[in-house]
Amino acid sequence: MVTAILLLGLCFVVGGVALLDRTWQSSISEQVPSGALPAAVALNGISTTSCAT
């Protein structure tokens, strides 16, 4: 059985992951060489979309 405190804690965890995901997406240009940037952005979009379904 899920208690109110457990549900509240899970909401904070999910919210924190959502904030980190946006930060990770914005730092792609610093992690990937400029020649591979279009492919990296496409792969990141695919991973985000597949996780949402």
PDB file of N, CA and C in Angstrom:
ATOM      1  N   MET A   1       0.847  -1.176   0.000  1.00  0.00           N
ATOM      2  CA  MET A   1       0.000   0.000   0.000  1.00  0.00           C
ATOM      3  C   MET A   1       0.895   1.243   0.000  1.00  0.00           C
ATOM      4  N   VAL A   2       0.499   2.227  -0.789  1.00  0.00           N
ATOM      5  CA  VAL A   2       1.288   3.445  -0.920  1.00  0.00           C
ATOM      6  C   VAL A   2       0.790   4.472   0.094  1.00  0.00           C
ATOM      7  N   THR A   3       1.707   4.963   0.899  1.00  0.00           N
ATOM      8  CA  THR A   3       1.346   5.977   1.874  1.00  0.00           C
ATOM      9  C   THR A   3       1.492   7.358   1.253  1.00  0.00           C
ATOM     10  N   ALA A   4       0.966   8.344   1.898  1.00  0.00           N
ATOM     11  CA  ALA A   4       1.047   9.714   1.388  1.00  0.00           C
ATOM     12  C   ALA A   4       2.495  10.205   1.342  1.00  0.00           C
ATOM     13  N   ILE A   5       3.278   9.850   2.327  1.00  0.00           N
ATOM     14  CA  ILE A   5       4.670  10.284   2.372  1.00  0.00           C
ATOM     15  C   ILE A   5       5.475   9.619   1.247  1.00  0.00           C
ATOM     16  N   LEU A   6       5.226   8.346   0.986  1.00  0.00           N
ATOM     17  CA  LEU A   6       5.905   7.655  -0.109  1.00  0.00           C
ATOM     18  C   LEU A   6       5.531   8.278  -1.451  1.00  0.00           C
ATOM     19  N   LEU A   7       4.279   8.581  -1.645  1.00  0.00           N
ATOM     20  CA  LEU A   7       3.827   9.208  -2.888  1.00  0.00           C
ATOM     21  C   LEU A   7       4.454  10.583  -3.066  1.00  0.00           C
ATOM     22  N   LEU A   8       4.523  11.350  -2.018  1.00  0.00           N
ATOM     23  CA  LEU A   8       5.158  12.665  -2.082  1.00  0.00           C
ATOM     24  C   LEU A   8       6.641  12.539  -2.411  1.00  0.00           C
ATOM     25  N   GLY A   9       7.313  11.585  -1.807  1.00  0.00           N
ATOM     26  CA  GLY A   9       8.726  11.355  -2.094  1.00  0.00           C
ATOM     27  C   GLY A   9       8.957  10.955  -3.537  1.00  0.00           C
ATOM     28  N   LEU A  10       8.115  10.089  -4.076  1.00  0.00           N
ATOM     29  CA  LEU A  10       8.244   9.683  -5.470  1.00  0.00           C
ATOM     30  C   LEU A  10       8.024  10.857  -6.421  1.00  0.00           C
ATOM     31  N   CYS A  11       7.109  11.744  -6.088  1.00  0.00           N
ATOM     32  CA  CYS A  11       6.887  12.934  -6.916  1.00  0.00           C
ATOM     33  C   CYS A  11       8.137  13.809  -6.958  1.00  0.00           C
ATOM     34  N   PHE A  12       8.815  13.965  -5.843  1.00  0.00           N
ATOM     35  CA  PHE A  12      10.043  14.758  -5.817  1.00  0.00           C
ATOM     36  C   PHE A  12      11.151  14.090  -6.630  1.00  0.00           C
ATOM     37  N   VAL A  13      11.241  12.774  -6.574  1.00  0.00           N
ATOM     38  CA  VAL A  13      12.263  12.054  -7.339  1.00  0.00           C
ATOM     39  C   VAL A  13      12.019  12.219  -8.830  1.00  0.00           C
ATOM     40  N   VAL A  14      10.785  12.035  -9.266  1.00  0.00           N
ATOM     41  CA  VAL A  14      10.460  12.171 -10.685  1.00  0.00           C
ATOM     42  C   VAL A  14      10.698  13.607 -11.154  1.00  0.00           C
ATOM     43  N   GLY A  15      10.341  14.573 -10.348  1.00  0.00           N
ATOM     44  CA  GLY A  15      10.585  15.972 -10.700  1.00  0.00           C
ATOM     45  C   GLY A  15      12.060  16.287 -10.816  1.00  0.00           C
ATOM     46  N   GLY A  16      12.867  15.724  -9.948  1.00  0.00           N
ATOM     47  CA  GLY A  16      14.304  15.938 -10.009  1.00  0.00           C
ATOM     48  C   GLY A  16      14.917  15.335 -11.256  1.00  0.00           C
ATOM     49  N   VAL A  17      14.439  14.168 -11.653  1.00  0.00           N
ATOM     50  CA  VAL A  17      14.935  13.532 -12.876  1.00  0.00           C
ATOM     51  C   VAL A  17      14.563  14.374 -14.087  1.00  0.00           C
ATOM     52  N   ALA A  18      13.373  14.942 -14.099  1.00  0.00           N
ATOM     53  CA  ALA A  18      12.951  15.781 -15.225  1.00  0.00           C
ATOM     54  C   ALA A  18      13.830  17.022 -15.340  1.00  0.00           C
ATOM     55  N   LEU A  19      14.209  17.604 -14.231  1.00  0.00           N
ATOM     56  CA  LEU A  19      15.089  18.776 -14.282  1.00  0.00           C
ATOM     57  C   LEU A  19      16.481  18.405 -14.769  1.00  0.00           C
ATOM     58  N   LEU A  20      16.999  17.266 -14.338  1.00  0.00           N
ATOM     59  CA  LEU A  20      18.323  16.836 -14.775  1.00  0.00           C
ATOM     60  C   LEU A  20      18.339  16.489 -16.255  1.00  0.00           C
ATOM     61  N   ASP A  21      17.235  15.961 -16.762  1.00  0.00           N
ATOM     62  CA  ASP A  21      17.161  15.604 -18.174  1.00  0.00           C
ATOM     63  C   ASP A  21      17.313  16.836 -19.056  1.00  0.00           C
ATOM     64  N   ARG A  22      16.678  17.923 -18.696  1.00  0.00           N
ATOM     65  CA  ARG A  22      16.788  19.167 -19.474  1.00  0.00           C
ATOM     66  C   ARG A  22      18.206  19.722 -19.407  1.00  0.00           C
ATOM     67  N   THR A  23      18.840  19.601 -18.279  1.00  0.00           N
ATOM     68  CA  THR A  23      20.218  20.057 -18.144  1.00  0.00           C
ATOM     69  C   THR A  23      21.142  19.226 -19.022  1.00  0.00           C
ATOM     70  N   TRP A  24      20.930  17.934 -19.039  1.00  0.00           N
ATOM     71  CA  TRP A  24      21.744  17.048 -19.862  1.00  0.00           C
ATOM     72  C   TRP A  24      21.577  17.390 -21.343  1.00  0.00           C
ATOM     73  N   GLN A  25      20.339  17.634 -21.777  1.00  0.00           N
ATOM     74  CA  GLN A  25      20.085  17.962 -23.177  1.00  0.00           C
ATOM     75  C   GLN A  25      20.767  19.261 -23.585  1.00  0.00           C
ATOM     76  N   SER A  26      20.808  20.216 -22.704  1.00  0.00           N
ATOM     77  CA  SER A  26      21.411  21.504 -23.054  1.00  0.00           C
ATOM     78  C   SER A  26      22.935  21.446 -23.095  1.00  0.00           C
ATOM     79  N   SER A  27      23.541  20.409 -22.534  1.00  0.00           N
ATOM     80  CA  SER A  27      24.998  20.323 -22.518  1.00  0.00           C
ATOM     81  C   SER A  27      25.559  19.400 -23.603  1.00  0.00           C
ATOM     82  N   ILE A  28      24.736  18.959 -24.531  1.00  0.00           N
ATOM     83  CA  ILE A  28      25.207  18.055 -25.585  1.00  0.00           C
ATOM     84  C   ILE A  28      26.307  18.702 -26.408  1.00  0.00           C
ATOM     85  N   SER A  29      26.167  19.980 -26.710  1.00  0.00           N
ATOM     86  CA  SER A  29      27.151  20.645 -27.565  1.00  0.00           C
ATOM     87  C   SER A  29      28.543  20.685 -26.937  1.00  0.00           C
ATOM     88  N   GLU A  30      28.623  20.572 -25.625  1.00  0.00           N
ATOM     89  CA  GLU A  30      29.918  20.556 -24.946  1.00  0.00           C
ATOM     90  C   GLU A  30      30.509  19.150 -24.844  1.00  0.00           C
ATOM     91  N   GLN A  31      29.696  18.131 -25.067  1.00  0.00           N
ATOM     92  CA  GLN A  31      30.144  16.755 -24.906  1.00  0.00           C
ATOM     93  C   GLN A  31      30.492  16.073 -26.223  1.00  0.00           C
ATOM     94  N   VAL A  32      29.961  16.596 -27.339  1.00  0.00           N
ATOM     95  CA  VAL A  32      30.089  15.943 -28.633  1.00  0.00           C
ATOM     96  C   VAL A  32      30.825  16.877 -29.589  1.00  0.00           C
ATOM     97  N   PRO A  33      31.713  16.349 -30.423  1.00  0.00           N
ATOM     98  CA  PRO A  33      32.356  17.201 -31.426  1.00  0.00           C
ATOM     99  C   PRO A  33      31.331  17.808 -32.382  1.00  0.00           C
ATOM    100  N   SER A  34      31.642  18.965 -32.945  1.00  0.00           N
ATOM    101  CA  SER A  34      30.667  19.684 -33.772  1.00  0.00           C
ATOM    102  C   SER A  34      30.238  18.890 -34.995  1.00  0.00           C
ATOM    103  N   GLY A  35      31.099  18.029 -35.532  1.00  0.00           N
ATOM    104  CA  GLY A  35      30.722  17.228 -36.689  1.00  0.00           C
ATOM    105  C   GLY A  35      29.679  16.172 -36.370  1.00  0.00           C
ATOM    106  N   ALA A  36      29.651  15.709 -35.145  1.00  0.00           N
ATOM    107  CA  ALA A  36      28.710  14.669 -34.738  1.00  0.00           C
ATOM    108  C   ALA A  36      27.492  15.241 -34.014  1.00  0.00           C
ATOM    109  N   LEU A  37      27.407  16.558 -33.933  1.00  0.00           N
ATOM    110  CA  LEU A  37      26.318  17.175 -33.168  1.00  0.00           C
ATOM    111  C   LEU A  37      24.924  16.870 -33.724  1.00  0.00           C
ATOM    112  N   PRO A  38      24.690  16.951 -35.049  1.00  0.00           N
ATOM    113  CA  PRO A  38      23.335  16.621 -35.539  1.00  0.00           C
ATOM    114  C   PRO A  38      22.897  15.197 -35.198  1.00  0.00           C
ATOM    115  N   ALA A  39      23.819  14.242 -35.302  1.00  0.00           N
ATOM    116  CA  ALA A  39      23.477  12.860 -34.961  1.00  0.00           C
ATOM    117  C   ALA A  39      23.222  12.707 -33.466  1.00  0.00           C
ATOM    118  N   ALA A  40      23.995  13.392 -32.637  1.00  0.00           N
ATOM    119  CA  ALA A  40      23.814  13.308 -31.193  1.00  0.00           C
ATOM    120  C   ALA A  40      22.478  13.908 -30.767  1.00  0.00           C
ATOM    121  N   VAL A  41      22.102  15.018 -31.388  1.00  0.00           N
ATOM    122  CA  VAL A  41      20.812  15.640 -31.069  1.00  0.00           C
ATOM    123  C   VAL A  41      19.669  14.721 -31.495  1.00  0.00           C
ATOM    124  N   ALA A  42      19.800  14.094 -32.670  1.00  0.00           N
ATOM    125  CA  ALA A  42      18.760  13.166 -33.138  1.00  0.00           C
ATOM    126  C   ALA A  42      18.637  11.965 -32.206  1.00  0.00           C
ATOM    127  N   LEU A  43      19.759  11.389 -31.797  1.00  0.00           N
ATOM    128  CA  LEU A  43      19.711  10.251 -30.885  1.00  0.00           C
ATOM    129  C   LEU A  43      19.124  10.624 -29.532  1.00  0.00           C
ATOM    130  N   ASN A  44      19.443  11.813 -29.065  1.00  0.00           N
ATOM    131  CA  ASN A  44      18.888  12.268 -27.795  1.00  0.00           C
ATOM    132  C   ASN A  44      17.378  12.434 -27.899  1.00  0.00           C
ATOM    133  N   GLY A  45      16.915  12.952 -29.029  1.00  0.00           N
ATOM    134  CA  GLY A  45      15.474  13.091 -29.232  1.00  0.00           C
ATOM    135  C   GLY A  45      14.774  11.749 -29.292  1.00  0.00           C
ATOM    136  N   ILE A  46      15.419  10.781 -29.936  1.00  0.00           N
ATOM    137  CA  ILE A  46      14.838   9.440 -30.016  1.00  0.00           C
ATOM    138  C   ILE A  46      14.745   8.822 -28.625  1.00  0.00           C
ATOM    139  N   SER A  47      15.779   8.980 -27.821  1.00  0.00           N
ATOM    140  CA  SER A  47      15.749   8.391 -26.482  1.00  0.00           C
ATOM    141  C   SER A  47      14.691   9.053 -25.607  1.00  0.00           C
ATOM    142  N   THR A  48      14.538  10.369 -25.756  1.00  0.00           N
ATOM    143  CA  THR A  48      13.507  11.064 -24.983  1.00  0.00           C
ATOM    144  C   THR A  48      12.118  10.613 -25.397  1.00  0.00           C
ATOM    145  N   THR A  49      11.903  10.475 -26.701  1.00  0.00           N
ATOM    146  CA  THR A  49      10.597  10.061 -27.201  1.00  0.00           C
ATOM    147  C   THR A  49      10.284   8.627 -26.809  1.00  0.00           C
ATOM    148  N   SER A  50      11.269   7.743 -26.883  1.00  0.00           N
ATOM    149  CA  SER A  50      11.016   6.344 -26.536  1.00  0.00           C
ATOM    150  C   SER A  50      10.732   6.172 -25.052  1.00  0.00           C
ATOM    151  N   CYS A  51      11.308   7.021 -24.227  1.00  0.00           N
ATOM    152  CA  CYS A  51      11.039   6.941 -22.783  1.00  0.00           C
ATOM    153  C   CYS A  51       9.644   7.469 -22.449  1.00  0.00           C
ATOM    154  N   ALA A  52       9.114   8.338 -23.269  1.00  0.00           N
ATOM    155  CA  ALA A  52       7.823   8.948 -22.991  1.00  0.00           C
ATOM    156  C   ALA A  52       6.665   8.033 -23.369  1.00  0.00           C
ATOM    157  N   THR A  53       6.936   7.036 -24.213  1.00  0.00           N
ATOM    158  CA  THR A  53       5.836   6.175 -24.649  1.00  0.00           C
ATOM    159  C   THR A  53       5.724   4.953 -23.800  1.00  0.00           C
TER     160      THR A  53
END
